[in-house]
Amino acid sequence: MKFFFVGDLKNNTGPAMANKAIRKGLLGNKSVVFSDANNKLTRALEIVVKILFSDGVCFCSFSKATIFGIRIAKLFNKKTFYLMHGYSTLENRINNENITEKQLMKINKCEKYIFRNVDHIFCVSEAFMNYMKDAEPTFKEKFDYNYNGLDLNKIKNSTVKYSANKKQGQIVSIGGGMKQKNNLAVCAAIDKLNKEKNMGLKYIVIGLPYTDKEKICSYDFVTYYDELPHEKVLEILAESYLYVQNSSFETFGLALIEALFSNCNLLVSRRVGAIGVIKTITDTDLIFNQDNIEEISSKIEKIINIGNARRLMRGVLEDEIGLERASESLLNKILKTIR
């Protein structure tokens, strides 16, 4: 039996990193093939040929290639699956203040086409699956979940190499200036602590500018990187004392797990899917209102003083997020459906 995965395997976005992890986790499995083409024409030809010679196909990106591939798969009567990294309808509403309802309806129409025409949908966390069942009730029976996998050994090795340089006053967030990440609110919370309690905190923000970079960089304690090699990101995580993920919507959150395995303490929004694999997480580790500067600042101060990384690590479900286990779990769920 041959199975074909189609998706972004080139870039360094969260979804692309998750797709690369699936490929690495299934390395050596001769029954699986992945998309490799680098331009539109060869990608289209590759999709046709590999679908033709496969028993099923999993689309791992929300793109025109996915819409095209679903049509080809239906033509050849192949089983189809969708690995859902994000919900573009909601994310565009959050991040693009100028988007119109007509534009949002067009995006949602494309997403509904995918939902309607694939056999099964795997969300990247249990919380995301539950959200989608409420958001798109017509298709609720199709929604399932499989947590993203990470190369935990790579992260652990980086931690051993760099954690001796741990800086207690250094806080880090990934997501750049994207409104959905709410890093600007974290800036305001840190500014409050530095001014009122003279804590001398530093804040590293990594990610593309989007809408909020300029305002984030207006704070003198901020160091901002638009883009860094993954190895450098892991180095910064290993050197930092606290990782903050203040997202208003986060389907999984690879960086959160990378930070924890880099021996970072965590402060995380309750709307982040990855908290589902940390069974020792408590309300003191969670941000309930992503715009509440008082809540964020008080919890930063508490975690800086007492830490939580060891307690959180004790509750991590490594079996569900390890590279090979997560990849094999997804493939087994798919093959079970085909058979």
C-alpha atoms as a PDB file:
ATOM      1  CA  MET A   1       0.000   0.000   0.000  1.00  0.00           C
ATOM      2  CA  LYS A   2       1.330   3.438  -0.995  1.00  0.00           C
ATOM      3  CA  PHE A   3       0.366   6.670   0.746  1.00  0.00           C
ATOM      4  CA  PHE A   4       1.094  10.238  -0.379  1.00  0.00           C
ATOM      5  CA  PHE A   5       1.586  13.313   1.847  1.00  0.00           C
ATOM      6  CA  VAL A   6       1.180  16.695   0.116  1.00  0.00           C
ATOM      7  CA  GLY A   7       2.161  19.935   1.868  1.00  0.00           C
ATOM      8  CA  ASP A   8       4.719  22.626   2.629  1.00  0.00           C
ATOM      9  CA  LEU A   9       8.005  20.900   3.435  1.00  0.00           C
ATOM     10  CA  LYS A  10      10.305  23.791   2.502  1.00  0.00           C
ATOM     11  CA  ASN A  11       9.641  26.783   4.759  1.00  0.00           C
ATOM     12  CA  ASN A  12      10.232  27.438   8.462  1.00  0.00           C
ATOM     13  CA  THR A  13       6.660  28.277   9.453  1.00  0.00           C
ATOM     14  CA  GLY A  14       4.986  26.258  12.203  1.00  0.00           C
ATOM     15  CA  PRO A  15       2.965  24.095   9.776  1.00  0.00           C
ATOM     16  CA  ALA A  16       5.995  23.458   7.548  1.00  0.00           C
ATOM     17  CA  MET A  17       8.102  22.466  10.575  1.00  0.00           C
ATOM     18  CA  ALA A  18       5.353  20.062  11.657  1.00  0.00           C
ATOM     19  CA  ASN A  19       5.205  18.575   8.143  1.00  0.00           C
ATOM     20  CA  LYS A  20       8.984  18.118   8.122  1.00  0.00           C
ATOM     21  CA  ALA A  21       8.702  16.320  11.453  1.00  0.00           C
ATOM     22  CA  ILE A  22       6.194  13.864   9.946  1.00  0.00           C
ATOM     23  CA  ARG A  23       8.579  13.147   7.104  1.00  0.00           C
ATOM     24  CA  LYS A  24      11.501  12.637   9.486  1.00  0.00           C
ATOM     25  CA  GLY A  25       9.379  10.464  11.745  1.00  0.00           C
ATOM     26  CA  LEU A  26       8.423   8.196   8.835  1.00  0.00           C
ATOM     27  CA  LEU A  27      11.922   8.063   7.367  1.00  0.00           C
ATOM     28  CA  GLY A  28      12.571   4.572   6.099  1.00  0.00           C
ATOM     29  CA  ASN A  29       8.897   3.721   5.647  1.00  0.00           C
ATOM     30  CA  LYS A  30       8.835   2.611   2.003  1.00  0.00           C
ATOM     31  CA  SER A  31       5.041   2.779   1.779  1.00  0.00           C
ATOM     32  CA  VAL A  32       5.015   6.572   2.154  1.00  0.00           C
ATOM     33  CA  VAL A  33       5.926   9.296  -0.369  1.00  0.00           C
ATOM     34  CA  PHE A  34       6.021  13.078   0.046  1.00  0.00           C
ATOM     35  CA  SER A  35       5.710  16.065  -2.263  1.00  0.00           C
ATOM     36  CA  ASP A  36       9.114  17.370  -3.399  1.00  0.00           C
ATOM     37  CA  ALA A  37       8.440  19.612  -6.415  1.00  0.00           C
ATOM     38  CA  ASN A  38       9.667  23.215  -6.241  1.00  0.00           C
ATOM     39  CA  ASN A  39       7.484  25.106  -8.728  1.00  0.00           C
ATOM     40  CA  LYS A  40       3.815  25.225  -9.712  1.00  0.00           C
ATOM     41  CA  LEU A  41       4.085  23.206 -12.911  1.00  0.00           C
ATOM     42  CA  THR A  42       6.161  20.354 -11.490  1.00  0.00           C
ATOM     43  CA  ARG A  43       4.049  20.396  -8.310  1.00  0.00           C
ATOM     44  CA  ALA A  44       0.872  19.916 -10.370  1.00  0.00           C
ATOM     45  CA  LEU A  45       2.408  17.061 -12.372  1.00  0.00           C
ATOM     46  CA  GLU A  46       3.767  15.457  -9.206  1.00  0.00           C
ATOM     47  CA  ILE A  47       0.358  15.614  -7.520  1.00  0.00           C
ATOM     48  CA  VAL A  48      -1.327  13.892 -10.463  1.00  0.00           C
ATOM     49  CA  VAL A  49       1.278  11.131 -10.813  1.00  0.00           C
ATOM     50  CA  LYS A  50       1.733  10.370  -7.108  1.00  0.00           C
ATOM     51  CA  ILE A  51      -2.008  10.363  -6.423  1.00  0.00           C
ATOM     52  CA  LEU A  52      -2.519   8.010  -9.381  1.00  0.00           C
ATOM     53  CA  PHE A  53      -0.034   5.495  -7.934  1.00  0.00           C
ATOM     54  CA  SER A  54      -1.110   5.865  -4.285  1.00  0.00           C
ATOM     55  CA  ASP A  55      -3.946   4.276  -2.321  1.00  0.00           C
ATOM     56  CA  GLY A  56      -4.630   7.476  -0.417  1.00  0.00           C
ATOM     57  CA  VAL A  57      -3.436  11.021   0.068  1.00  0.00           C
ATOM     58  CA  CYS A  58      -3.131  13.399   3.036  1.00  0.00           C
ATOM     59  CA  PHE A  59      -3.116  17.141   2.359  1.00  0.00           C
ATOM     60  CA  CYS A  60      -1.085  19.009   4.977  1.00  0.00           C
ATOM     61  CA  SER A  61      -1.561  22.631   3.908  1.00  0.00           C
ATOM     62  CA  PHE A  62      -4.414  25.031   3.175  1.00  0.00           C
ATOM     63  CA  SER A  63      -3.524  25.984  -0.391  1.00  0.00           C
ATOM     64  CA  LYS A  64      -4.563  25.945  -4.035  1.00  0.00           C
ATOM     65  CA  ALA A  65      -2.498  22.761  -4.431  1.00  0.00           C
ATOM     66  CA  THR A  66      -4.746  21.085  -1.863  1.00  0.00           C
ATOM     67  CA  ILE A  67      -7.921  22.090  -3.733  1.00  0.00           C
ATOM     68  CA  PHE A  68      -6.381  20.844  -6.991  1.00  0.00           C
ATOM     69  CA  GLY A  69      -5.206  17.614  -5.368  1.00  0.00           C
ATOM     70  CA  ILE A  70      -8.629  16.850  -3.905  1.00  0.00           C
ATOM     71  CA  ARG A  71     -10.171  17.163  -7.366  1.00  0.00           C
ATOM     72  CA  ILE A  72      -7.572  14.802  -8.830  1.00  0.00           C
ATOM     73  CA  ALA A  73      -8.052  12.319  -5.982  1.00  0.00           C
ATOM     74  CA  LYS A  74     -11.819  12.311  -6.503  1.00  0.00           C
ATOM     75  CA  LEU A  75     -11.266  11.691 -10.209  1.00  0.00           C
ATOM     76  CA  PHE A  76      -9.176   8.603  -9.393  1.00  0.00           C
ATOM     77  CA  ASN A  77     -11.463   7.557  -6.510  1.00  0.00           C
ATOM     78  CA  LYS A  78      -8.715   7.782  -3.885  1.00  0.00           C
ATOM     79  CA  LYS A  79      -9.195   8.147  -0.131  1.00  0.00           C
ATOM     80  CA  THR A  80      -8.423  11.683   1.033  1.00  0.00           C
ATOM     81  CA  PHE A  81      -7.379  13.146   4.392  1.00  0.00           C
ATOM     82  CA  TYR A  82      -6.637  16.654   5.635  1.00  0.00           C
ATOM     83  CA  LEU A  83      -4.073  17.430   8.338  1.00  0.00           C
ATOM     84  CA  MET A  84      -5.422  20.723   9.639  1.00  0.00           C
ATOM     85  CA  HIS A  85      -2.763  23.027  11.074  1.00  0.00           C
ATOM     86  CA  GLY A  86      -4.932  26.148  11.227  1.00  0.00           C
ATOM     87  CA  TYR A  87      -8.369  27.641  10.650  1.00  0.00           C
ATOM     88  CA  SER A  88      -7.785  30.393   8.104  1.00  0.00           C
ATOM     89  CA  THR A  89     -11.272  31.862   8.429  1.00  0.00           C
ATOM     90  CA  LEU A  90     -10.725  32.746  12.087  1.00  0.00           C
ATOM     91  CA  GLU A  91      -7.028  33.592  11.812  1.00  0.00           C
ATOM     92  CA  ASN A  92      -7.646  36.082   9.008  1.00  0.00           C
ATOM     93  CA  ARG A  93     -10.414  37.692  11.041  1.00  0.00           C
ATOM     94  CA  ILE A  94      -8.030  38.145  13.985  1.00  0.00           C
ATOM     95  CA  ASN A  95      -4.915  39.240  12.101  1.00  0.00           C
ATOM     96  CA  ASN A  96      -6.279  41.379   9.274  1.00  0.00           C
ATOM     97  CA  GLU A  97      -8.249  44.361  10.544  1.00  0.00           C
ATOM     98  CA  ASN A  98      -9.049  45.479   6.995  1.00  0.00           C
ATOM     99  CA  ILE A  99     -10.443  42.212   5.712  1.00  0.00           C
ATOM    100  CA  THR A 100     -14.058  42.335   4.574  1.00  0.00           C
ATOM    101  CA  GLU A 101     -16.843  39.885   5.304  1.00  0.00           C
ATOM    102  CA  LYS A 102     -16.923  39.066   1.584  1.00  0.00           C
ATOM    103  CA  GLN A 103     -13.235  38.114   1.662  1.00  0.00           C
ATOM    104  CA  LEU A 104     -13.745  36.027   4.794  1.00  0.00           C
ATOM    105  CA  MET A 105     -16.664  34.226   3.176  1.00  0.00           C
ATOM    106  CA  LYS A 106     -14.454  33.382   0.197  1.00  0.00           C
ATOM    107  CA  ILE A 107     -11.789  31.902   2.491  1.00  0.00           C
ATOM    108  CA  ASN A 108     -14.396  29.943   4.419  1.00  0.00           C
ATOM    109  CA  LYS A 109     -15.905  28.666   1.166  1.00  0.00           C
ATOM    110  CA  CYS A 110     -12.499  27.185   0.251  1.00  0.00           C
ATOM    111  CA  GLU A 111     -12.122  25.612   3.683  1.00  0.00           C
ATOM    112  CA  LYS A 112     -15.629  24.163   3.500  1.00  0.00           C
ATOM    113  CA  TYR A 113     -14.779  22.678   0.106  1.00  0.00           C
ATOM    114  CA  ILE A 114     -11.911  20.797   1.750  1.00  0.00           C
ATOM    115  CA  PHE A 115     -14.034  19.692   4.716  1.00  0.00           C
ATOM    116  CA  ARG A 116     -16.817  18.484   2.434  1.00  0.00           C
ATOM    117  CA  ASN A 117     -14.630  16.575  -0.004  1.00  0.00           C
ATOM    118  CA  VAL A 118     -12.087  14.774   2.181  1.00  0.00           C
ATOM    119  CA  ASP A 119     -12.902  11.570   4.037  1.00  0.00           C
ATOM    120  CA  HIS A 120     -11.349  12.541   7.355  1.00  0.00           C
ATOM    121  CA  ILE A 121      -9.786  15.602   9.037  1.00  0.00           C
ATOM    122  CA  PHE A 122      -7.001  15.431  11.628  1.00  0.00           C
ATOM    123  CA  CYS A 123      -6.605  18.547  13.775  1.00  0.00           C
ATOM    124  CA  VAL A 124      -3.211  19.019  15.456  1.00  0.00           C
ATOM    125  CA  SER A 125      -4.581  19.040  19.016  1.00  0.00           C
ATOM    126  CA  GLU A 126      -7.614  17.803  20.906  1.00  0.00           C
ATOM    127  CA  ALA A 127      -8.616  21.353  21.845  1.00  0.00           C
ATOM    128  CA  PHE A 128      -8.492  22.409  18.186  1.00  0.00           C
ATOM    129  CA  MET A 129     -10.638  19.418  17.209  1.00  0.00           C
ATOM    130  CA  ASN A 130     -13.264  20.381  19.790  1.00  0.00           C
ATOM    131  CA  TYR A 131     -13.206  23.981  18.569  1.00  0.00           C
ATOM    132  CA  MET A 132     -13.724  22.890  14.956  1.00  0.00           C
ATOM    133  CA  LYS A 133     -16.649  20.645  15.856  1.00  0.00           C
ATOM    134  CA  ASP A 134     -18.389  23.725  17.234  1.00  0.00           C
ATOM    135  CA  ALA A 135     -17.236  26.082  14.469  1.00  0.00           C
ATOM    136  CA  GLU A 136     -18.155  23.745  11.583  1.00  0.00           C
ATOM    137  CA  PRO A 137     -20.882  21.455  12.993  1.00  0.00           C
ATOM    138  CA  THR A 138     -21.898  20.197   9.537  1.00  0.00           C
ATOM    139  CA  PHE A 139     -18.629  18.284   9.368  1.00  0.00           C
ATOM    140  CA  LYS A 140     -18.172  17.407  13.062  1.00  0.00           C
ATOM    141  CA  GLU A 141     -18.154  13.649  12.438  1.00  0.00           C
ATOM    142  CA  LYS A 142     -15.090  14.042  10.207  1.00  0.00           C
ATOM    143  CA  PHE A 143     -12.937  15.802  12.812  1.00  0.00           C
ATOM    144  CA  ASP A 144     -10.317  13.829  14.744  1.00  0.00           C
ATOM    145  CA  TYR A 145      -6.933  14.822  16.155  1.00  0.00           C
ATOM    146  CA  ASN A 146      -3.290  13.794  16.231  1.00  0.00           C
ATOM    147  CA  TYR A 147      -0.762  15.889  18.127  1.00  0.00           C
ATOM    148  CA  ASN A 148       2.198  17.319  16.243  1.00  0.00           C
ATOM    149  CA  GLY A 149       5.502  15.534  16.746  1.00  0.00           C
ATOM    150  CA  LEU A 150       8.881  17.076  17.560  1.00  0.00           C
ATOM    151  CA  ASP A 151      12.483  15.922  17.465  1.00  0.00           C
ATOM    152  CA  LEU A 152      12.817  15.899  21.250  1.00  0.00           C
ATOM    153  CA  ASN A 153      16.355  14.485  21.197  1.00  0.00           C
ATOM    154  CA  LYS A 154      17.558  17.413  19.087  1.00  0.00           C
ATOM    155  CA  ILE A 155      16.050  19.872  21.568  1.00  0.00           C
ATOM    156  CA  LYS A 156      17.518  18.035  24.558  1.00  0.00           C
ATOM    157  CA  ASN A 157      20.994  18.059  22.980  1.00  0.00           C
ATOM    158  CA  SER A 158      20.722  21.808  22.358  1.00  0.00           C
ATOM    159  CA  THR A 159      19.636  22.324  25.960  1.00  0.00           C
ATOM    160  CA  VAL A 160      22.702  20.476  27.277  1.00  0.00           C
ATOM    161  CA  LYS A 161      24.910  22.599  25.045  1.00  0.00           C
ATOM    162  CA  TYR A 162      23.500  26.050  25.898  1.00  0.00           C
ATOM    163  CA  SER A 163      21.536  25.953  29.168  1.00  0.00           C
ATOM    164  CA  ALA A 164      24.606  26.730  31.276  1.00  0.00           C
ATOM    165  CA  ASN A 165      24.145  30.308  30.014  1.00  0.00           C
ATOM    166  CA  LYS A 166      20.575  30.548  31.433  1.00  0.00           C
ATOM    167  CA  LYS A 167      19.667  34.214  32.059  1.00  0.00           C
ATOM    168  CA  GLN A 168      17.006  34.668  34.737  1.00  0.00           C
ATOM    169  CA  GLY A 169      15.810  38.041  33.488  1.00  0.00           C
ATOM    170  CA  GLN A 170      15.426  36.939  29.863  1.00  0.00           C
ATOM    171  CA  ILE A 171      11.946  36.268  28.472  1.00  0.00           C
ATOM    172  CA  VAL A 172      11.262  35.043  24.939  1.00  0.00           C
ATOM    173  CA  SER A 173       8.230  34.717  22.645  1.00  0.00           C
ATOM    174  CA  ILE A 174       7.885  33.432  19.098  1.00  0.00           C
ATOM    175  CA  GLY A 175       5.311  34.768  16.664  1.00  0.00           C
ATOM    176  CA  GLY A 176       6.705  38.207  15.940  1.00  0.00           C
ATOM    177  CA  GLY A 177       4.273  41.016  15.334  1.00  0.00           C
ATOM    178  CA  MET A 178       1.262  38.862  14.444  1.00  0.00           C
ATOM    179  CA  LYS A 179      -1.800  40.229  16.231  1.00  0.00           C
ATOM    180  CA  GLN A 180      -2.969  36.709  17.078  1.00  0.00           C
ATOM    181  CA  LYS A 181       0.167  36.188  19.216  1.00  0.00           C
ATOM    182  CA  ASN A 182      -0.513  39.266  21.405  1.00  0.00           C
ATOM    183  CA  ASN A 183       3.179  39.906  22.077  1.00  0.00           C
ATOM    184  CA  LEU A 184       2.436  43.614  22.410  1.00  0.00           C
ATOM    185  CA  ALA A 185       0.463  42.894  25.587  1.00  0.00           C
ATOM    186  CA  VAL A 186       3.465  40.971  26.938  1.00  0.00           C
ATOM    187  CA  CYS A 187       5.606  44.062  26.264  1.00  0.00           C
ATOM    188  CA  ALA A 188       3.210  46.189  28.302  1.00  0.00           C
ATOM    189  CA  ALA A 189       3.295  43.668  31.166  1.00  0.00           C
ATOM    190  CA  ILE A 190       7.119  43.560  31.203  1.00  0.00           C
ATOM    191  CA  ASP A 191       7.263  47.352  31.028  1.00  0.00           C
ATOM    192  CA  LYS A 192       5.004  47.529  34.089  1.00  0.00           C
ATOM    193  CA  LEU A 193       7.277  45.177  36.051  1.00  0.00           C
ATOM    194  CA  ASN A 194      10.445  47.018  35.044  1.00  0.00           C
ATOM    195  CA  LYS A 195       9.015  50.428  35.963  1.00  0.00           C
ATOM    196  CA  GLU A 196       7.136  49.508  39.125  1.00  0.00           C
ATOM    197  CA  LYS A 197       9.387  46.777  40.543  1.00  0.00           C
ATOM    198  CA  ASN A 198      12.711  47.501  38.854  1.00  0.00           C
ATOM    199  CA  MET A 199      13.016  43.887  37.670  1.00  0.00           C
ATOM    200  CA  GLY A 200      15.302  44.664  34.711  1.00  0.00           C
ATOM    201  CA  LEU A 201      13.657  42.108  32.443  1.00  0.00           C
ATOM    202  CA  LYS A 202      14.720  41.657  28.800  1.00  0.00           C
ATOM    203  CA  TYR A 203      12.379  40.421  26.083  1.00  0.00           C
ATOM    204  CA  ILE A 204      13.352  38.611  22.875  1.00  0.00           C
ATOM    205  CA  VAL A 205      10.697  38.417  20.155  1.00  0.00           C
ATOM    206  CA  ILE A 206      11.205  36.189  17.110  1.00  0.00           C
ATOM    207  CA  GLY A 207       9.017  36.220  14.013  1.00  0.00           C
ATOM    208  CA  LEU A 208       7.853  38.176  11.001  1.00  0.00           C
ATOM    209  CA  PRO A 209       6.808  41.827  11.471  1.00  0.00           C
ATOM    210  CA  TYR A 210       3.106  41.605  10.532  1.00  0.00           C
ATOM    211  CA  THR A 211       1.241  44.535  12.151  1.00  0.00           C
ATOM    212  CA  ASP A 212       2.773  44.972  15.609  1.00  0.00           C
ATOM    213  CA  LYS A 213       6.562  44.895  15.155  1.00  0.00           C
ATOM    214  CA  GLU A 214       7.054  48.654  15.216  1.00  0.00           C
ATOM    215  CA  LYS A 215       5.125  49.038  18.483  1.00  0.00           C
ATOM    216  CA  ILE A 216       6.907  46.036  20.022  1.00  0.00           C
ATOM    217  CA  CYS A 217      10.298  47.510  19.121  1.00  0.00           C
ATOM    218  CA  SER A 218       9.395  50.839  20.742  1.00  0.00           C
ATOM    219  CA  TYR A 219      10.199  49.251  24.119  1.00  0.00           C
ATOM    220  CA  ASP A 220      13.883  49.594  24.996  1.00  0.00           C
ATOM    221  CA  PHE A 221      14.106  46.147  26.649  1.00  0.00           C
ATOM    222  CA  VAL A 222      13.098  44.339  23.408  1.00  0.00           C
ATOM    223  CA  THR A 223      15.443  42.535  21.016  1.00  0.00           C
ATOM    224  CA  TYR A 224      13.608  41.595  17.818  1.00  0.00           C
ATOM    225  CA  TYR A 225      14.561  39.031  15.147  1.00  0.00           C
ATOM    226  CA  ASP A 226      12.479  38.719  11.992  1.00  0.00           C
ATOM    227  CA  GLU A 227      13.894  35.286  11.239  1.00  0.00           C
ATOM    228  CA  LEU A 228      16.552  32.984  12.657  1.00  0.00           C
ATOM    229  CA  PRO A 229      17.865  29.492  11.831  1.00  0.00           C
ATOM    230  CA  HIS A 230      16.153  26.860  13.944  1.00  0.00           C
ATOM    231  CA  GLU A 231      19.422  26.021  15.707  1.00  0.00           C
ATOM    232  CA  LYS A 232      19.743  29.646  16.843  1.00  0.00           C
ATOM    233  CA  VAL A 233      16.138  29.656  18.084  1.00  0.00           C
ATOM    234  CA  LEU A 234      16.875  26.580  20.205  1.00  0.00           C
ATOM    235  CA  GLU A 235      19.995  28.296  21.563  1.00  0.00           C
ATOM    236  CA  ILE A 236      17.959  31.343  22.618  1.00  0.00           C
ATOM    237  CA  LEU A 237      15.302  29.127  24.224  1.00  0.00           C
ATOM    238  CA  ALA A 238      17.974  27.251  26.183  1.00  0.00           C
ATOM    239  CA  GLU A 239      19.461  30.547  27.425  1.00  0.00           C
ATOM    240  CA  SER A 240      16.103  32.108  28.355  1.00  0.00           C
ATOM    241  CA  TYR A 241      14.387  31.741  31.725  1.00  0.00           C
ATOM    242  CA  LEU A 242      10.750  32.183  30.693  1.00  0.00           C
ATOM    243  CA  TYR A 243       8.800  31.507  27.505  1.00  0.00           C
ATOM    244  CA  VAL A 244       5.485  33.352  27.070  1.00  0.00           C
ATOM    245  CA  GLN A 245       2.832  32.271  24.556  1.00  0.00           C
ATOM    246  CA  ASN A 246      -0.042  34.768  24.770  1.00  0.00           C
ATOM    247  CA  SER A 247      -1.984  33.667  21.681  1.00  0.00           C
ATOM    248  CA  SER A 248      -5.693  34.341  21.329  1.00  0.00           C
ATOM    249  CA  PHE A 249      -5.872  31.225  19.110  1.00  0.00           C
ATOM    250  CA  GLU A 250      -3.168  28.581  18.705  1.00  0.00           C
ATOM    251  CA  THR A 251      -3.986  25.199  17.222  1.00  0.00           C
ATOM    252  CA  PHE A 252      -0.895  23.546  18.730  1.00  0.00           C
ATOM    253  CA  GLY A 253       2.231  25.637  19.404  1.00  0.00           C
ATOM    254  CA  LEU A 254       5.461  23.795  18.587  1.00  0.00           C
ATOM    255  CA  ALA A 255       7.618  26.509  20.155  1.00  0.00           C
ATOM    256  CA  LEU A 256       5.930  26.040  23.520  1.00  0.00           C
ATOM    257  CA  ILE A 257       7.082  22.404  23.688  1.00  0.00           C
ATOM    258  CA  GLU A 258      10.523  23.324  22.348  1.00  0.00           C
ATOM    259  CA  ALA A 259      10.804  25.928  25.119  1.00  0.00           C
ATOM    260  CA  LEU A 260       9.787  23.503  27.858  1.00  0.00           C
ATOM    261  CA  PHE A 261      12.283  20.876  26.675  1.00  0.00           C
ATOM    262  CA  SER A 262      14.866  23.678  26.610  1.00  0.00           C
ATOM    263  CA  ASN A 263      14.286  23.987  30.372  1.00  0.00           C
ATOM    264  CA  CYS A 264      12.314  27.223  30.035  1.00  0.00           C
ATOM    265  CA  ASN A 265       9.603  28.071  32.509  1.00  0.00           C
ATOM    266  CA  LEU A 266       6.265  28.704  30.794  1.00  0.00           C
ATOM    267  CA  LEU A 267       3.439  31.201  30.874  1.00  0.00           C
ATOM    268  CA  VAL A 268       0.858  30.274  28.276  1.00  0.00           C
ATOM    269  CA  SER A 269      -2.580  31.292  27.077  1.00  0.00           C
ATOM    270  CA  ARG A 270      -5.380  28.851  27.836  1.00  0.00           C
ATOM    271  CA  ARG A 271      -6.189  29.000  24.101  1.00  0.00           C
ATOM    272  CA  VAL A 272      -3.046  27.081  23.062  1.00  0.00           C
ATOM    273  CA  GLY A 273      -3.629  23.504  21.892  1.00  0.00           C
ATOM    274  CA  ALA A 274      -0.285  22.149  23.115  1.00  0.00           C
ATOM    275  CA  ILE A 275      -1.278  22.514  26.782  1.00  0.00           C
ATOM    276  CA  GLY A 276      -3.284  19.332  26.222  1.00  0.00           C
ATOM    277  CA  VAL A 277      -0.064  17.295  26.418  1.00  0.00           C
ATOM    278  CA  ILE A 278       1.074  18.902  29.711  1.00  0.00           C
ATOM    279  CA  LYS A 279      -1.023  17.236  32.411  1.00  0.00           C
ATOM    280  CA  THR A 280       0.597  19.068  35.343  1.00  0.00           C
ATOM    281  CA  ILE A 281      -0.329  22.541  34.081  1.00  0.00           C
ATOM    282  CA  THR A 282      -2.381  24.654  36.510  1.00  0.00           C
ATOM    283  CA  ASP A 283      -4.248  27.960  36.446  1.00  0.00           C
ATOM    284  CA  THR A 284      -1.144  29.773  37.731  1.00  0.00           C
ATOM    285  CA  ASP A 285       0.645  28.822  34.475  1.00  0.00           C
ATOM    286  CA  LEU A 286      -2.193  30.022  32.242  1.00  0.00           C
ATOM    287  CA  ILE A 287      -3.239  33.411  30.876  1.00  0.00           C
ATOM    288  CA  PHE A 288      -7.037  33.614  30.883  1.00  0.00           C
ATOM    289  CA  ASN A 289      -7.361  37.122  29.400  1.00  0.00           C
ATOM    290  CA  GLN A 290      -4.742  37.805  26.727  1.00  0.00           C
ATOM    291  CA  ASP A 291      -5.267  41.589  27.022  1.00  0.00           C
ATOM    292  CA  ASN A 292      -5.140  41.812  30.823  1.00  0.00           C
ATOM    293  CA  ILE A 293      -1.788  43.439  31.596  1.00  0.00           C
ATOM    294  CA  GLU A 294      -2.265  43.031  35.353  1.00  0.00           C
ATOM    295  CA  GLU A 295      -2.835  39.278  35.037  1.00  0.00           C
ATOM    296  CA  ILE A 296       0.116  38.792  32.682  1.00  0.00           C
ATOM    297  CA  SER A 297       2.533  40.879  34.747  1.00  0.00           C
ATOM    298  CA  SER A 298       1.607  39.252  38.071  1.00  0.00           C
ATOM    299  CA  LYS A 299       2.018  35.764  36.632  1.00  0.00           C
ATOM    300  CA  ILE A 300       5.338  36.652  34.986  1.00  0.00           C
ATOM    301  CA  GLU A 301       6.609  37.923  38.347  1.00  0.00           C
ATOM    302  CA  LYS A 302       5.484  34.790  40.179  1.00  0.00           C
ATOM    303  CA  ILE A 303       7.015  32.394  37.646  1.00  0.00           C
ATOM    304  CA  ILE A 304      10.280  34.360  37.532  1.00  0.00           C
ATOM    305  CA  ASN A 305      10.464  33.975  41.320  1.00  0.00           C
ATOM    306  CA  ILE A 306       9.476  30.312  41.774  1.00  0.00           C
ATOM    307  CA  GLY A 307       9.666  28.657  38.329  1.00  0.00           C
ATOM    308  CA  ASN A 308       7.479  25.874  36.955  1.00  0.00           C
ATOM    309  CA  ALA A 309       9.549  24.011  34.341  1.00  0.00           C
ATOM    310  CA  ARG A 310      10.291  20.927  36.454  1.00  0.00           C
ATOM    311  CA  ARG A 311       6.665  20.473  37.477  1.00  0.00           C
ATOM    312  CA  LEU A 312       5.436  20.936  33.905  1.00  0.00           C
ATOM    313  CA  MET A 313       8.008  18.501  32.492  1.00  0.00           C
ATOM    314  CA  ARG A 314       6.762  15.785  34.848  1.00  0.00           C
ATOM    315  CA  GLY A 315       3.357  15.975  33.171  1.00  0.00           C
ATOM    316  CA  VAL A 316       4.393  15.930  29.489  1.00  0.00           C
ATOM    317  CA  LEU A 317       2.942  13.097  27.402  1.00  0.00           C
ATOM    318  CA  GLU A 318       6.163  12.391  25.502  1.00  0.00           C
ATOM    319  CA  ASP A 319       4.679   9.337  23.805  1.00  0.00           C
ATOM    320  CA  GLU A 320       2.144  11.530  22.002  1.00  0.00           C
ATOM    321  CA  ILE A 321       4.585  14.165  20.725  1.00  0.00           C
ATOM    322  CA  GLY A 322       7.806  12.252  20.090  1.00  0.00           C
ATOM    323  CA  LEU A 323       8.853  12.396  16.447  1.00  0.00           C
ATOM    324  CA  GLU A 324       8.388   8.747  15.472  1.00  0.00           C
ATOM    325  CA  ARG A 325       5.399   8.058  17.736  1.00  0.00           C
ATOM    326  CA  ALA A 326       3.358  11.050  16.533  1.00  0.00           C
ATOM    327  CA  SER A 327       4.117  10.356  12.859  1.00  0.00           C
ATOM    328  CA  GLU A 328       3.337   6.662  13.140  1.00  0.00           C
ATOM    329  CA  SER A 329       0.154   7.429  15.074  1.00  0.00           C
ATOM    330  CA  LEU A 330      -1.104   9.674  12.276  1.00  0.00           C
ATOM    331  CA  LEU A 331      -0.253   7.140   9.588  1.00  0.00           C
ATOM    332  CA  ASN A 332      -1.871   4.287  11.526  1.00  0.00           C
ATOM    333  CA  LYS A 333      -5.080   6.269  12.009  1.00  0.00           C
ATOM    334  CA  ILE A 334      -5.153   6.981   8.281  1.00  0.00           C
ATOM    335  CA  LEU A 335      -4.439   3.392   7.227  1.00  0.00           C
ATOM    336  CA  LYS A 336      -7.071   2.094   9.650  1.00  0.00           C
ATOM    337  CA  THR A 337      -9.631   4.270   7.869  1.00  0.00           C
ATOM    338  CA  ILE A 338      -8.515   3.065   4.421  1.00  0.00           C
ATOM    339  CA  ARG A 339      -8.669  -0.604   5.372  1.00  0.00           C
END
